Amino acid sequence: MTMLGLKNISKTFGLGTPLETQVLRDVCLELPKGDYVTIIGGNGAGKSTLMNIVAGTHLSDKGTITIDGADVTNLPEHKRALYLGRVFQDPMVGTAASMNIEENLALAYRRGKRRGFSWYISNKERALYRERLSDLELGLENRLTDKVGLLSGGQRQALSLMMATLKEPRVLLLDEHTAALDPKTAPKVLEIGNKIIKKYNLTTMMVTHNMKDAIRHGNRLIMMKEGGVALDISGEEKRNITVESLIAKFSQVSGEEFSDDAALLG
């Protein structure tokens, strides 16, 4: 069963101007239920635009997008959000610093529902929040009334992950979500994400600037070049691939060397 389907997705910015740039070219992808795809590519390969097209931040110029069988191609971002969970690069974006932890979780839990002026949180809700937060193994289940602004960047990003997955979205989008974290914290947040994705069998797309992370995580790796899919690697090949063999394979199919230093050194 295809959970996320992209067919002939193309996008050009600045159409008809001297700055016209085609960023995506007839991208076709199918993600079955539970697929965890990491996406890597050099600067300008189209990774971020592809993520924004799926999220509805930008609409594609042509092609179709389906989520769990529903055509969402022309749905605006706020309506498409009912199908999606998304974690951004900046830990400050996904949470409200002036609100406490349980209020942030309540916002996520009540997404798509009619909300009144009351912030009343039932004991049943609070028990759910404690249970889910305990999965993070950060002790946040005992800090429900702490302001989110008091948390570290890694704690806030872990909370963002929890908020994005609280309603078990049909598709989870991880948008370079560890790029702003320090080298010690980033692996911890990635492992927390892996645990949540596996526990709830979430269909996931993770854009990363780090080739090692793209190899280490997920069951499928996509490498982009000039707005298209250059490589789509899964199964035994994905489990056995190394940075060196991935670079060699990219060179073989594209006819040029992979030259993004940030991805190589990350």
C-alpha atoms as a PDB file:
ATOM      1  CA  MET A   1       0.000   0.000   0.000  1.00  0.00           C
ATOM      2  CA  THR A   2       1.443   3.375  -1.062  1.00  0.00           C
ATOM      3  CA  MET A   3       1.304   5.885   1.788  1.00  0.00           C
ATOM      4  CA  LEU A   4       3.018   8.742  -0.074  1.00  0.00           C
ATOM      5  CA  GLY A   5       2.993   8.958  -3.861  1.00  0.00           C
ATOM      6  CA  LEU A   6       4.712  11.576  -6.009  1.00  0.00           C
ATOM      7  CA  LYS A   7       4.159  11.425  -9.759  1.00  0.00           C
ATOM      8  CA  ASN A   8       5.959  13.704 -12.248  1.00  0.00           C
ATOM      9  CA  ILE A   9       6.507  16.485  -9.714  1.00  0.00           C
ATOM     10  CA  SER A  10       8.182  19.560 -11.222  1.00  0.00           C
ATOM     11  CA  LYS A  11       8.829  23.024  -9.807  1.00  0.00           C
ATOM     12  CA  THR A  12      10.341  26.165 -11.329  1.00  0.00           C
ATOM     13  CA  PHE A  13      10.968  29.360  -9.401  1.00  0.00           C
ATOM     14  CA  GLY A  14      11.080  32.788 -11.055  1.00  0.00           C
ATOM     15  CA  LEU A  15       9.255  31.569 -14.160  1.00  0.00           C
ATOM     16  CA  GLY A  16       9.671  33.986 -17.057  1.00  0.00           C
ATOM     17  CA  THR A  17      12.331  36.065 -15.315  1.00  0.00           C
ATOM     18  CA  PRO A  18      16.124  36.189 -15.693  1.00  0.00           C
ATOM     19  CA  LEU A  19      16.325  34.241 -12.412  1.00  0.00           C
ATOM     20  CA  GLU A  20      14.193  31.329 -13.672  1.00  0.00           C
ATOM     21  CA  THR A  21      15.416  28.092 -12.074  1.00  0.00           C
ATOM     22  CA  GLN A  22      13.931  24.630 -12.450  1.00  0.00           C
ATOM     23  CA  VAL A  23      14.426  22.998  -9.046  1.00  0.00           C
ATOM     24  CA  LEU A  24      12.494  19.731  -9.501  1.00  0.00           C
ATOM     25  CA  ARG A  25      12.205  17.746 -12.722  1.00  0.00           C
ATOM     26  CA  ASP A  26       9.528  15.046 -13.064  1.00  0.00           C
ATOM     27  CA  VAL A  27      10.215  13.446  -9.672  1.00  0.00           C
ATOM     28  CA  CYS A  28       8.425  10.133  -9.162  1.00  0.00           C
ATOM     29  CA  LEU A  29       8.489   8.371  -5.792  1.00  0.00           C
ATOM     30  CA  GLU A  30       6.356   5.847  -3.940  1.00  0.00           C
ATOM     31  CA  LEU A  31       6.722   5.287  -0.198  1.00  0.00           C
ATOM     32  CA  PRO A  32       4.889   2.210   1.116  1.00  0.00           C
ATOM     33  CA  LYS A  33       3.503   2.221   4.663  1.00  0.00           C
ATOM     34  CA  GLY A  34       6.405   2.164   7.132  1.00  0.00           C
ATOM     35  CA  ASP A  35       9.077   3.192   4.608  1.00  0.00           C
ATOM     36  CA  TYR A  36      11.814   5.345   6.182  1.00  0.00           C
ATOM     37  CA  VAL A  37      13.596   7.214   3.396  1.00  0.00           C
ATOM     38  CA  THR A  38      16.662   9.396   3.882  1.00  0.00           C
ATOM     39  CA  ILE A  39      17.364  12.010   1.196  1.00  0.00           C
ATOM     40  CA  ILE A  40      20.828  13.376   0.484  1.00  0.00           C
ATOM     41  CA  GLY A  41      22.230  15.591  -2.258  1.00  0.00           C
ATOM     42  CA  GLY A  42      24.474  18.560  -2.912  1.00  0.00           C
ATOM     43  CA  ASN A  43      23.439  22.194  -2.640  1.00  0.00           C
ATOM     44  CA  GLY A  44      20.702  22.957  -5.155  1.00  0.00           C
ATOM     45  CA  ALA A  45      19.821  19.289  -5.690  1.00  0.00           C
ATOM     46  CA  GLY A  46      16.185  19.955  -4.746  1.00  0.00           C
ATOM     47  CA  LYS A  47      16.005  18.241  -1.329  1.00  0.00           C
ATOM     48  CA  SER A  48      14.400  21.106   0.600  1.00  0.00           C
ATOM     49  CA  THR A  49      12.053  22.008  -2.243  1.00  0.00           C
ATOM     50  CA  LEU A  50      10.854  18.408  -2.442  1.00  0.00           C
ATOM     51  CA  MET A  51      10.121  18.465   1.293  1.00  0.00           C
ATOM     52  CA  ASN A  52       8.225  21.757   0.948  1.00  0.00           C
ATOM     53  CA  ILE A  53       6.233  20.419  -2.001  1.00  0.00           C
ATOM     54  CA  VAL A  54       5.138  17.392   0.055  1.00  0.00           C
ATOM     55  CA  ALA A  55       4.235  19.646   2.996  1.00  0.00           C
ATOM     56  CA  GLY A  56       2.288  22.071   0.799  1.00  0.00           C
ATOM     57  CA  THR A  57       4.555  25.024   1.591  1.00  0.00           C
ATOM     58  CA  HIS A  58       4.989  25.277  -2.185  1.00  0.00           C
ATOM     59  CA  LEU A  59       2.612  23.864  -4.775  1.00  0.00           C
ATOM     60  CA  SER A  60       4.084  21.919  -7.669  1.00  0.00           C
ATOM     61  CA  ASP A  61       3.839  23.245 -11.230  1.00  0.00           C
ATOM     62  CA  LYS A  62       2.730  19.839 -12.443  1.00  0.00           C
ATOM     63  CA  GLY A  63       2.303  16.300 -11.207  1.00  0.00           C
ATOM     64  CA  THR A  64       0.224  14.717  -8.460  1.00  0.00           C
ATOM     65  CA  ILE A  65       0.735  13.991  -4.762  1.00  0.00           C
ATOM     66  CA  THR A  66      -1.254  11.386  -2.864  1.00  0.00           C
ATOM     67  CA  ILE A  67      -1.212  10.583   0.839  1.00  0.00           C
ATOM     68  CA  ASP A  68      -2.867   7.340   1.904  1.00  0.00           C
ATOM     69  CA  GLY A  69      -4.771   7.305  -1.381  1.00  0.00           C
ATOM     70  CA  ALA A  70      -6.086  10.872  -1.106  1.00  0.00           C
ATOM     71  CA  ASP A  71      -5.090  13.410  -3.763  1.00  0.00           C
ATOM     72  CA  VAL A  72      -3.604  16.367  -1.863  1.00  0.00           C
ATOM     73  CA  THR A  73      -1.882  18.030  -4.833  1.00  0.00           C
ATOM     74  CA  ASN A  74      -3.774  21.290  -4.529  1.00  0.00           C
ATOM     75  CA  LEU A  75      -4.413  21.313  -0.787  1.00  0.00           C
ATOM     76  CA  PRO A  76      -2.914  24.322   1.034  1.00  0.00           C
ATOM     77  CA  GLU A  77      -0.359  23.747   3.758  1.00  0.00           C
ATOM     78  CA  HIS A  78      -2.744  24.134   6.715  1.00  0.00           C
ATOM     79  CA  LYS A  79      -5.132  21.494   5.339  1.00  0.00           C
ATOM     80  CA  ARG A  80      -2.353  19.125   4.329  1.00  0.00           C
ATOM     81  CA  ALA A  81      -0.998  19.341   7.890  1.00  0.00           C
ATOM     82  CA  LEU A  82      -3.846  17.038   8.972  1.00  0.00           C
ATOM     83  CA  TYR A  83      -2.018  14.218   7.172  1.00  0.00           C
ATOM     84  CA  LEU A  84       1.516  15.163   8.156  1.00  0.00           C
ATOM     85  CA  GLY A  85       3.902  15.628  11.051  1.00  0.00           C
ATOM     86  CA  ARG A  86       6.947  17.814  10.448  1.00  0.00           C
ATOM     87  CA  VAL A  87      10.080  18.664  12.413  1.00  0.00           C
ATOM     88  CA  PHE A  88      12.121  21.635  11.210  1.00  0.00           C
ATOM     89  CA  GLN A  89      15.842  22.381  11.342  1.00  0.00           C
ATOM     90  CA  ASP A  90      15.483  25.092  13.998  1.00  0.00           C
ATOM     91  CA  PRO A  91      14.486  23.639  17.418  1.00  0.00           C
ATOM     92  CA  MET A  92      12.749  26.942  18.214  1.00  0.00           C
ATOM     93  CA  VAL A  93      10.287  26.651  15.308  1.00  0.00           C
ATOM     94  CA  GLY A  94       8.326  23.573  16.389  1.00  0.00           C
ATOM     95  CA  THR A  95       7.584  24.638  19.968  1.00  0.00           C
ATOM     96  CA  ALA A  96       6.184  27.669  21.812  1.00  0.00           C
ATOM     97  CA  ALA A  97       8.787  28.870  24.334  1.00  0.00           C
ATOM     98  CA  SER A  98       6.365  30.829  26.540  1.00  0.00           C
ATOM     99  CA  MET A  99       4.062  27.825  27.041  1.00  0.00           C
ATOM    100  CA  ASN A 100       4.796  24.835  29.223  1.00  0.00           C
ATOM    101  CA  ILE A 101       5.448  21.305  27.995  1.00  0.00           C
ATOM    102  CA  GLU A 102       1.930  19.961  28.457  1.00  0.00           C
ATOM    103  CA  GLU A 103       0.403  23.015  26.750  1.00  0.00           C
ATOM    104  CA  ASN A 104       2.655  22.461  23.736  1.00  0.00           C
ATOM    105  CA  LEU A 105       1.598  18.818  23.625  1.00  0.00           C
ATOM    106  CA  ALA A 106      -2.052  19.831  23.919  1.00  0.00           C
ATOM    107  CA  LEU A 107      -1.648  22.069  20.868  1.00  0.00           C
ATOM    108  CA  ALA A 108      -0.339  19.111  18.888  1.00  0.00           C
ATOM    109  CA  TYR A 109      -2.907  16.675  20.266  1.00  0.00           C
ATOM    110  CA  ARG A 110      -5.845  18.956  19.417  1.00  0.00           C
ATOM    111  CA  ARG A 111      -4.664  19.814  15.910  1.00  0.00           C
ATOM    112  CA  GLY A 112      -7.609  19.714  13.533  1.00  0.00           C
ATOM    113  CA  LYS A 113     -10.161  19.849  16.359  1.00  0.00           C
ATOM    114  CA  ARG A 114     -12.257  22.814  17.415  1.00  0.00           C
ATOM    115  CA  ARG A 115     -10.622  24.528  20.382  1.00  0.00           C
ATOM    116  CA  GLY A 116     -12.256  26.857  22.867  1.00  0.00           C
ATOM    117  CA  PHE A 117     -10.589  29.409  25.067  1.00  0.00           C
ATOM    118  CA  SER A 118      -9.884  26.953  27.877  1.00  0.00           C
ATOM    119  CA  TRP A 119      -6.516  25.245  28.331  1.00  0.00           C
ATOM    120  CA  TYR A 120      -8.093  22.547  30.490  1.00  0.00           C
ATOM    121  CA  ILE A 121      -6.095  19.322  30.175  1.00  0.00           C
ATOM    122  CA  SER A 122      -7.833  16.194  31.441  1.00  0.00           C
ATOM    123  CA  ASN A 123      -6.137  13.567  33.578  1.00  0.00           C
ATOM    124  CA  LYS A 124      -6.491  11.159  30.656  1.00  0.00           C
ATOM    125  CA  GLU A 125      -4.642  13.554  28.346  1.00  0.00           C
ATOM    126  CA  ARG A 126      -1.957  14.197  30.940  1.00  0.00           C
ATOM    127  CA  ALA A 127      -1.407  10.450  31.391  1.00  0.00           C
ATOM    128  CA  LEU A 128      -0.969  10.091  27.623  1.00  0.00           C
ATOM    129  CA  TYR A 129       1.590  12.902  27.568  1.00  0.00           C
ATOM    130  CA  ARG A 130       3.545  11.341  30.414  1.00  0.00           C
ATOM    131  CA  GLU A 131       3.524   7.960  28.692  1.00  0.00           C
ATOM    132  CA  ARG A 132       4.741   9.354  25.368  1.00  0.00           C
ATOM    133  CA  LEU A 133       7.361  11.599  26.967  1.00  0.00           C
ATOM    134  CA  SER A 134       8.776   8.669  28.906  1.00  0.00           C
ATOM    135  CA  ASP A 135       9.710   7.133  25.528  1.00  0.00           C
ATOM    136  CA  LEU A 136      12.200   9.973  25.078  1.00  0.00           C
ATOM    137  CA  GLU A 137      14.104   8.919  28.225  1.00  0.00           C
ATOM    138  CA  LEU A 138      14.897  12.549  29.001  1.00  0.00           C
ATOM    139  CA  GLY A 139      12.853  12.894  32.196  1.00  0.00           C
ATOM    140  CA  LEU A 140      10.459  15.368  30.560  1.00  0.00           C
ATOM    141  CA  GLU A 141       7.455  13.358  31.765  1.00  0.00           C
ATOM    142  CA  ASN A 142       8.231  14.785  35.223  1.00  0.00           C
ATOM    143  CA  ARG A 143       8.472  18.377  33.969  1.00  0.00           C
ATOM    144  CA  LEU A 144       5.070  18.906  32.344  1.00  0.00           C
ATOM    145  CA  THR A 145       4.614  22.372  33.829  1.00  0.00           C
ATOM    146  CA  ASP A 146       8.109  23.648  32.939  1.00  0.00           C
ATOM    147  CA  LYS A 147       8.264  26.397  30.303  1.00  0.00           C
ATOM    148  CA  VAL A 148       9.628  25.060  27.028  1.00  0.00           C
ATOM    149  CA  GLY A 149      11.954  28.053  26.830  1.00  0.00           C
ATOM    150  CA  LEU A 150      13.924  26.512  29.728  1.00  0.00           C
ATOM    151  CA  LEU A 151      14.782  23.384  27.727  1.00  0.00           C
ATOM    152  CA  SER A 152      18.012  22.823  25.808  1.00  0.00           C
ATOM    153  CA  GLY A 153      18.000  22.744  22.016  1.00  0.00           C
ATOM    154  CA  GLY A 154      18.153  18.948  21.989  1.00  0.00           C
ATOM    155  CA  GLN A 155      15.300  18.644  24.487  1.00  0.00           C
ATOM    156  CA  ARG A 156      13.179  21.044  22.437  1.00  0.00           C
ATOM    157  CA  GLN A 157      13.859  19.100  19.249  1.00  0.00           C
ATOM    158  CA  ALA A 158      12.956  15.835  20.991  1.00  0.00           C
ATOM    159  CA  LEU A 159       9.738  17.500  22.168  1.00  0.00           C
ATOM    160  CA  SER A 160       9.090  18.681  18.593  1.00  0.00           C
ATOM    161  CA  LEU A 161       9.444  15.058  17.470  1.00  0.00           C
ATOM    162  CA  MET A 162       6.938  13.985  20.098  1.00  0.00           C
ATOM    163  CA  MET A 163       4.497  16.727  19.055  1.00  0.00           C
ATOM    164  CA  ALA A 164       4.836  15.810  15.367  1.00  0.00           C
ATOM    165  CA  THR A 165       4.122  12.131  16.045  1.00  0.00           C
ATOM    166  CA  LEU A 166       1.576  12.388  18.874  1.00  0.00           C
ATOM    167  CA  LYS A 167      -1.347  11.794  16.501  1.00  0.00           C
ATOM    168  CA  GLU A 168       0.615   9.182  14.469  1.00  0.00           C
ATOM    169  CA  PRO A 169       0.626  11.077  11.152  1.00  0.00           C
ATOM    170  CA  ARG A 170       0.346   9.280   7.862  1.00  0.00           C
ATOM    171  CA  VAL A 171       3.682  10.793   6.827  1.00  0.00           C
ATOM    172  CA  LEU A 172       6.452  12.204   9.029  1.00  0.00           C
ATOM    173  CA  LEU A 173       8.758  14.833   7.506  1.00  0.00           C
ATOM    174  CA  LEU A 174      12.149  15.390   9.155  1.00  0.00           C
ATOM    175  CA  ASP A 175      13.613  18.520   7.595  1.00  0.00           C
ATOM    176  CA  GLU A 176      17.353  18.504   8.455  1.00  0.00           C
ATOM    177  CA  HIS A 177      16.090  18.365  12.029  1.00  0.00           C
ATOM    178  CA  THR A 178      19.498  17.763  13.638  1.00  0.00           C
ATOM    179  CA  ALA A 179      21.537  20.235  11.567  1.00  0.00           C
ATOM    180  CA  ALA A 180      21.387  22.968  14.232  1.00  0.00           C
ATOM    181  CA  LEU A 181      22.278  20.654  17.122  1.00  0.00           C
ATOM    182  CA  ASP A 182      25.743  20.066  18.544  1.00  0.00           C
ATOM    183  CA  PRO A 183      27.611  16.867  17.536  1.00  0.00           C
ATOM    184  CA  LYS A 184      26.838  15.115  20.840  1.00  0.00           C
ATOM    185  CA  THR A 185      23.116  15.928  20.854  1.00  0.00           C
ATOM    186  CA  ALA A 186      22.324  15.234  17.194  1.00  0.00           C
ATOM    187  CA  PRO A 187      22.849  11.426  17.369  1.00  0.00           C
ATOM    188  CA  LYS A 188      20.636  11.226  20.466  1.00  0.00           C
ATOM    189  CA  VAL A 189      17.778  13.016  18.690  1.00  0.00           C
ATOM    190  CA  LEU A 190      18.196  10.765  15.649  1.00  0.00           C
ATOM    191  CA  GLU A 191      17.975   7.661  17.844  1.00  0.00           C
ATOM    192  CA  ILE A 192      14.880   9.029  19.590  1.00  0.00           C
ATOM    193  CA  GLY A 193      13.332   9.525  16.165  1.00  0.00           C
ATOM    194  CA  ASN A 194      14.252   5.998  15.095  1.00  0.00           C
ATOM    195  CA  LYS A 195      12.590   4.590  18.208  1.00  0.00           C
ATOM    196  CA  ILE A 196       9.351   6.512  17.613  1.00  0.00           C
ATOM    197  CA  ILE A 197       9.280   5.686  13.884  1.00  0.00           C
ATOM    198  CA  LYS A 198       9.754   1.982  14.559  1.00  0.00           C
ATOM    199  CA  LYS A 199       7.258   1.837  17.440  1.00  0.00           C
ATOM    200  CA  TYR A 200       4.432   3.399  15.423  1.00  0.00           C
ATOM    201  CA  ASN A 201       5.532   2.142  11.974  1.00  0.00           C
ATOM    202  CA  LEU A 202       5.538   5.681  10.590  1.00  0.00           C
ATOM    203  CA  THR A 203       6.151   6.410   6.923  1.00  0.00           C
ATOM    204  CA  THR A 204       9.034   8.866   7.073  1.00  0.00           C
ATOM    205  CA  MET A 205      11.014  11.146   4.791  1.00  0.00           C
ATOM    206  CA  MET A 206      14.210  12.595   6.272  1.00  0.00           C
ATOM    207  CA  VAL A 207      16.218  15.227   4.427  1.00  0.00           C
ATOM    208  CA  THR A 208      19.780  15.461   5.729  1.00  0.00           C
ATOM    209  CA  HIS A 209      22.974  17.294   4.851  1.00  0.00           C
ATOM    210  CA  ASN A 210      25.030  14.482   6.377  1.00  0.00           C
ATOM    211  CA  MET A 211      25.915  11.506   4.190  1.00  0.00           C
ATOM    212  CA  LYS A 212      26.805   9.285   7.152  1.00  0.00           C
ATOM    213  CA  ASP A 213      23.392   9.908   8.725  1.00  0.00           C
ATOM    214  CA  ALA A 214      21.668   9.173   5.411  1.00  0.00           C
ATOM    215  CA  ILE A 215      23.456   5.809   5.305  1.00  0.00           C
ATOM    216  CA  ARG A 216      23.066   4.957   8.985  1.00  0.00           C
ATOM    217  CA  HIS A 217      19.331   5.644   9.307  1.00  0.00           C
ATOM    218  CA  GLY A 218      16.245   4.412   7.483  1.00  0.00           C
ATOM    219  CA  ASN A 219      15.663   1.448   5.191  1.00  0.00           C
ATOM    220  CA  ARG A 220      15.990   3.381   1.933  1.00  0.00           C
ATOM    221  CA  LEU A 221      18.326   6.104   0.651  1.00  0.00           C
ATOM    222  CA  ILE A 222      17.607   8.548  -2.157  1.00  0.00           C
ATOM    223  CA  MET A 223      20.334  10.730  -3.651  1.00  0.00           C
ATOM    224  CA  MET A 224      19.236  13.754  -5.649  1.00  0.00           C
ATOM    225  CA  LYS A 225      20.991  15.700  -8.381  1.00  0.00           C
ATOM    226  CA  GLU A 226      19.732  18.738 -10.306  1.00  0.00           C
ATOM    227  CA  GLY A 227      16.126  18.254  -9.236  1.00  0.00           C
ATOM    228  CA  GLY A 228      15.862  14.561  -9.955  1.00  0.00           C
ATOM    229  CA  VAL A 229      16.486  11.202  -8.297  1.00  0.00           C
ATOM    230  CA  ALA A 230      19.993  10.009  -9.172  1.00  0.00           C
ATOM    231  CA  LEU A 231      20.033   6.961  -6.858  1.00  0.00           C
ATOM    232  CA  ASP A 232      17.365   4.981  -4.990  1.00  0.00           C
ATOM    233  CA  ILE A 233      18.978   2.376  -2.743  1.00  0.00           C
ATOM    234  CA  SER A 234      17.240  -0.054  -0.380  1.00  0.00           C
ATOM    235  CA  GLY A 235      17.373  -3.545   1.064  1.00  0.00           C
ATOM    236  CA  GLU A 236      20.694  -5.371   1.363  1.00  0.00           C
ATOM    237  CA  GLU A 237      22.438  -2.773  -0.782  1.00  0.00           C
ATOM    238  CA  LYS A 238      21.419  -0.006   1.631  1.00  0.00           C
ATOM    239  CA  ARG A 239      22.549  -2.022   4.667  1.00  0.00           C
ATOM    240  CA  ASN A 240      26.000  -2.616   3.171  1.00  0.00           C
ATOM    241  CA  ILE A 241      26.725   0.711   1.499  1.00  0.00           C
ATOM    242  CA  THR A 242      29.538   2.980   2.684  1.00  0.00           C
ATOM    243  CA  VAL A 243      30.287   6.641   2.035  1.00  0.00           C
ATOM    244  CA  GLU A 244      32.996   5.621  -0.429  1.00  0.00           C
ATOM    245  CA  SER A 245      30.815   3.188  -2.378  1.00  0.00           C
ATOM    246  CA  LEU A 246      27.916   5.669  -2.404  1.00  0.00           C
ATOM    247  CA  ILE A 247      30.156   8.382  -3.878  1.00  0.00           C
ATOM    248  CA  ALA A 248      31.456   5.921  -6.475  1.00  0.00           C
ATOM    249  CA  LYS A 249      27.925   4.873  -7.430  1.00  0.00           C
ATOM    250  CA  PHE A 250      26.839   8.518  -7.699  1.00  0.00           C
ATOM    251  CA  SER A 251      29.795   9.271  -9.975  1.00  0.00           C
ATOM    252  CA  GLN A 252      28.944   6.262 -12.120  1.00  0.00           C
ATOM    253  CA  VAL A 253      25.322   7.287 -12.750  1.00  0.00           C
ATOM    254  CA  SER A 254      25.860  11.050 -12.974  1.00  0.00           C
ATOM    255  CA  GLY A 255      29.188  11.209 -14.746  1.00  0.00           C
ATOM    256  CA  GLU A 256      30.645  13.605 -12.193  1.00  0.00           C
ATOM    257  CA  GLU A 257      32.004  13.644  -8.651  1.00  0.00           C
ATOM    258  CA  PHE A 258      29.902  14.438  -5.594  1.00  0.00           C
ATOM    259  CA  SER A 259      31.310  17.732  -4.344  1.00  0.00           C
ATOM    260  CA  ASP A 260      29.333  18.864  -1.293  1.00  0.00           C
ATOM    261  CA  ASP A 261      31.977  19.113   1.442  1.00  0.00           C
ATOM    262  CA  ALA A 262      29.410  19.597   4.214  1.00  0.00           C
ATOM    263  CA  ALA A 263      27.719  16.300   3.355  1.00  0.00           C
ATOM    264  CA  LEU A 264      30.991  14.443   3.051  1.00  0.00           C
ATOM    265  CA  LEU A 265      32.503  15.753   6.266  1.00  0.00           C
ATOM    266  CA  GLY A 266      29.359  15.783   8.384  1.00  0.00           C
END
